[in-house]
Amino acid sequence: MDDNLHSPQRRLIELRIEHADLDSLIDRMTVQTPIDELVLRRLKKRRLVLRDHIVRLEAELDPPEPA
């Protein structure tokens, strides 16, 4: 059971959820006035880092087949 808590598939799901949460937060922040540009920039940077982790983990779990 403990293995399942640390499985790459579970980590991928967690990263996707966090990425979606950040997307939602960024969308809400962009309609607020005034916009805190620094916070918004940091959130977007974190979202990009998460996206990179997601892509890397997806490639590890499902490596591309040779052509």
N, C-alpha and C. Protein backbone atom coordinates (compact mmCIF):
# COMPACT_ATOMS: atom_id res chain seq x y z
N MET A 1 0.82 -1.19 0.00
CA MET A 1 0.00 0.00 0.00
C MET A 1 0.87 1.26 0.00
N ASP A 2 1.94 1.24 0.80
CA ASP A 2 2.82 2.39 0.87
C ASP A 2 3.49 2.67 -0.47
N ASP A 3 3.74 1.61 -1.26
CA ASP A 3 4.33 1.78 -2.58
C ASP A 3 3.43 2.61 -3.48
N ASN A 4 2.13 2.41 -3.36
CA ASN A 4 1.17 3.13 -4.19
C ASN A 4 1.19 4.63 -3.89
N LEU A 5 1.49 5.00 -2.65
CA LEU A 5 1.53 6.42 -2.27
C LEU A 5 2.67 7.16 -2.95
N HIS A 6 3.71 6.43 -3.34
CA HIS A 6 4.88 7.06 -3.94
C HIS A 6 5.10 6.62 -5.38
N SER A 7 4.08 6.08 -5.99
CA SER A 7 4.22 5.60 -7.36
C SER A 7 4.31 6.77 -8.34
N PRO A 8 5.00 6.58 -9.45
CA PRO A 8 5.09 7.64 -10.46
C PRO A 8 3.72 8.05 -11.01
N GLN A 9 2.81 7.10 -11.11
CA GLN A 9 1.47 7.42 -11.61
C GLN A 9 0.74 8.36 -10.65
N ARG A 10 0.88 8.08 -9.35
CA ARG A 10 0.24 8.95 -8.36
C ARG A 10 0.86 10.35 -8.40
N ARG A 11 2.18 10.40 -8.51
CA ARG A 11 2.87 11.70 -8.57
C ARG A 11 2.40 12.48 -9.79
N LEU A 12 2.21 11.80 -10.91
CA LEU A 12 1.73 12.45 -12.12
C LEU A 12 0.34 13.05 -11.90
N ILE A 13 -0.53 12.31 -11.25
CA ILE A 13 -1.87 12.82 -10.95
C ILE A 13 -1.79 14.04 -10.05
N GLU A 14 -0.95 13.98 -9.04
CA GLU A 14 -0.79 15.11 -8.12
C GLU A 14 -0.29 16.35 -8.86
N LEU A 15 0.68 16.16 -9.74
CA LEU A 15 1.21 17.29 -10.51
C LEU A 15 0.15 17.89 -11.43
N ARG A 16 -0.64 17.03 -12.07
CA ARG A 16 -1.71 17.53 -12.95
C ARG A 16 -2.75 18.31 -12.16
N ILE A 17 -3.09 17.85 -10.96
CA ILE A 17 -4.06 18.56 -10.13
C ILE A 17 -3.50 19.92 -9.72
N GLU A 18 -2.25 19.94 -9.29
CA GLU A 18 -1.63 21.20 -8.89
C GLU A 18 -1.57 22.17 -10.07
N HIS A 19 -1.25 21.65 -11.26
CA HIS A 19 -1.19 22.48 -12.45
C HIS A 19 -2.57 23.07 -12.77
N ALA A 20 -3.60 22.26 -12.67
CA ALA A 20 -4.96 22.73 -12.93
C ALA A 20 -5.38 23.78 -11.89
N ASP A 21 -5.01 23.56 -10.64
CA ASP A 21 -5.32 24.54 -9.59
C ASP A 21 -4.64 25.88 -9.88
N LEU A 22 -3.38 25.82 -10.31
CA LEU A 22 -2.67 27.06 -10.65
C LEU A 22 -3.31 27.74 -11.84
N ASP A 23 -3.73 26.98 -12.84
CA ASP A 23 -4.42 27.55 -14.00
C ASP A 23 -5.65 28.34 -13.54
N SER A 24 -6.41 27.73 -12.68
CA SER A 24 -7.63 28.35 -12.17
C SER A 24 -7.31 29.62 -11.38
N LEU A 25 -6.32 29.54 -10.53
CA LEU A 25 -5.92 30.70 -9.72
C LEU A 25 -5.42 31.84 -10.61
N ILE A 26 -4.62 31.52 -11.60
CA ILE A 26 -4.10 32.54 -12.52
C ILE A 26 -5.25 33.19 -13.28
N ASP A 27 -6.19 32.39 -13.74
CA ASP A 27 -7.36 32.94 -14.45
C ASP A 27 -8.13 33.91 -13.56
N ARG A 28 -8.35 33.52 -12.30
CA ARG A 28 -9.08 34.40 -11.37
C ARG A 28 -8.31 35.69 -11.10
N MET A 29 -6.98 35.56 -10.98
CA MET A 29 -6.17 36.75 -10.68
C MET A 29 -6.16 37.74 -11.83
N THR A 30 -6.23 37.27 -13.06
CA THR A 30 -6.13 38.17 -14.20
C THR A 30 -7.37 39.05 -14.37
N VAL A 31 -8.49 38.66 -13.75
CA VAL A 31 -9.69 39.49 -13.85
C VAL A 31 -9.82 40.44 -12.66
N GLN A 32 -8.94 40.31 -11.67
CA GLN A 32 -8.97 41.19 -10.51
C GLN A 32 -8.30 42.52 -10.83
N THR A 33 -8.77 43.53 -10.15
CA THR A 33 -8.12 44.82 -10.26
C THR A 33 -7.84 45.32 -8.86
N PRO A 34 -6.69 45.73 -8.52
CA PRO A 34 -5.45 45.71 -9.33
C PRO A 34 -4.82 44.32 -9.34
N ILE A 35 -4.05 44.07 -10.36
CA ILE A 35 -3.35 42.79 -10.49
C ILE A 35 -1.99 42.92 -9.83
N ASP A 36 -1.65 41.94 -9.01
CA ASP A 36 -0.32 41.89 -8.41
C ASP A 36 0.59 41.17 -9.40
N GLU A 37 1.30 41.94 -10.18
CA GLU A 37 2.12 41.40 -11.27
C GLU A 37 3.20 40.44 -10.78
N LEU A 38 3.81 40.74 -9.65
CA LEU A 38 4.87 39.89 -9.13
C LEU A 38 4.33 38.51 -8.76
N VAL A 39 3.22 38.48 -8.05
CA VAL A 39 2.61 37.21 -7.66
C VAL A 39 2.17 36.44 -8.90
N LEU A 40 1.58 37.14 -9.84
CA LEU A 40 1.12 36.50 -11.07
C LEU A 40 2.30 35.88 -11.84
N ARG A 41 3.40 36.61 -11.92
CA ARG A 41 4.59 36.10 -12.60
C ARG A 41 5.13 34.85 -11.91
N ARG A 42 5.15 34.86 -10.58
CA ARG A 42 5.64 33.70 -9.82
C ARG A 42 4.74 32.49 -10.02
N LEU A 43 3.44 32.71 -10.04
CA LEU A 43 2.49 31.61 -10.26
C LEU A 43 2.67 31.01 -11.65
N LYS A 44 2.85 31.87 -12.64
CA LYS A 44 3.05 31.39 -14.01
C LYS A 44 4.36 30.61 -14.13
N LYS A 45 5.39 31.07 -13.44
CA LYS A 45 6.66 30.36 -13.48
C LYS A 45 6.52 28.99 -12.82
N ARG A 46 5.82 28.93 -11.70
CA ARG A 46 5.58 27.66 -11.02
C ARG A 46 4.77 26.71 -11.92
N ARG A 47 3.79 27.27 -12.63
CA ARG A 47 2.98 26.46 -13.55
C ARG A 47 3.85 25.86 -14.65
N LEU A 48 4.79 26.63 -15.18
CA LEU A 48 5.70 26.12 -16.21
C LEU A 48 6.61 25.01 -15.67
N VAL A 49 7.09 25.18 -14.45
CA VAL A 49 7.93 24.15 -13.83
C VAL A 49 7.12 22.87 -13.66
N LEU A 50 5.87 23.00 -13.21
CA LEU A 50 5.02 21.83 -13.07
C LEU A 50 4.80 21.15 -14.41
N ARG A 51 4.57 21.95 -15.44
CA ARG A 51 4.34 21.38 -16.78
C ARG A 51 5.57 20.59 -17.24
N ASP A 52 6.76 21.12 -16.98
CA ASP A 52 7.99 20.42 -17.34
C ASP A 52 8.09 19.09 -16.59
N HIS A 53 7.76 19.09 -15.30
CA HIS A 53 7.79 17.85 -14.52
C HIS A 53 6.79 16.84 -15.07
N ILE A 54 5.61 17.32 -15.43
CA ILE A 54 4.57 16.44 -15.97
C ILE A 54 5.05 15.79 -17.27
N VAL A 55 5.60 16.59 -18.16
CA VAL A 55 6.07 16.07 -19.45
C VAL A 55 7.19 15.05 -19.24
N ARG A 56 8.11 15.35 -18.34
CA ARG A 56 9.22 14.45 -18.07
C ARG A 56 8.71 13.12 -17.49
N LEU A 57 7.79 13.21 -16.55
CA LEU A 57 7.25 12.01 -15.93
C LEU A 57 6.43 11.18 -16.92
N GLU A 58 5.67 11.85 -17.78
CA GLU A 58 4.92 11.13 -18.82
C GLU A 58 5.86 10.39 -19.76
N ALA A 59 6.98 11.01 -20.09
CA ALA A 59 7.95 10.38 -20.98
C ALA A 59 8.59 9.16 -20.30
N GLU A 60 8.80 9.23 -18.99
CA GLU A 60 9.36 8.09 -18.26
C GLU A 60 8.37 6.93 -18.20
N LEU A 61 7.11 7.27 -18.01
CA LEU A 61 6.09 6.23 -17.87
C LEU A 61 5.70 5.61 -19.22
N ASP A 62 5.77 6.40 -20.27
CA ASP A 62 5.38 5.92 -21.60
C ASP A 62 6.42 6.41 -22.61
N PRO A 63 7.59 5.77 -22.62
CA PRO A 63 8.64 6.24 -23.53
C PRO A 63 8.21 6.11 -25.00
N PRO A 64 8.67 7.05 -25.82
CA PRO A 64 8.30 6.99 -27.25
C PRO A 64 8.90 5.75 -27.90
N GLU A 65 8.14 5.19 -28.83
CA GLU A 65 8.62 4.01 -29.54
C GLU A 65 9.57 4.45 -30.65
N PRO A 66 10.59 3.64 -30.91
CA PRO A 66 11.51 4.01 -32.00
C PRO A 66 10.80 4.02 -33.34
N ALA A 67 11.21 4.92 -34.19
CA ALA A 67 10.56 5.07 -35.51
C ALA A 67 10.91 3.96 -36.45
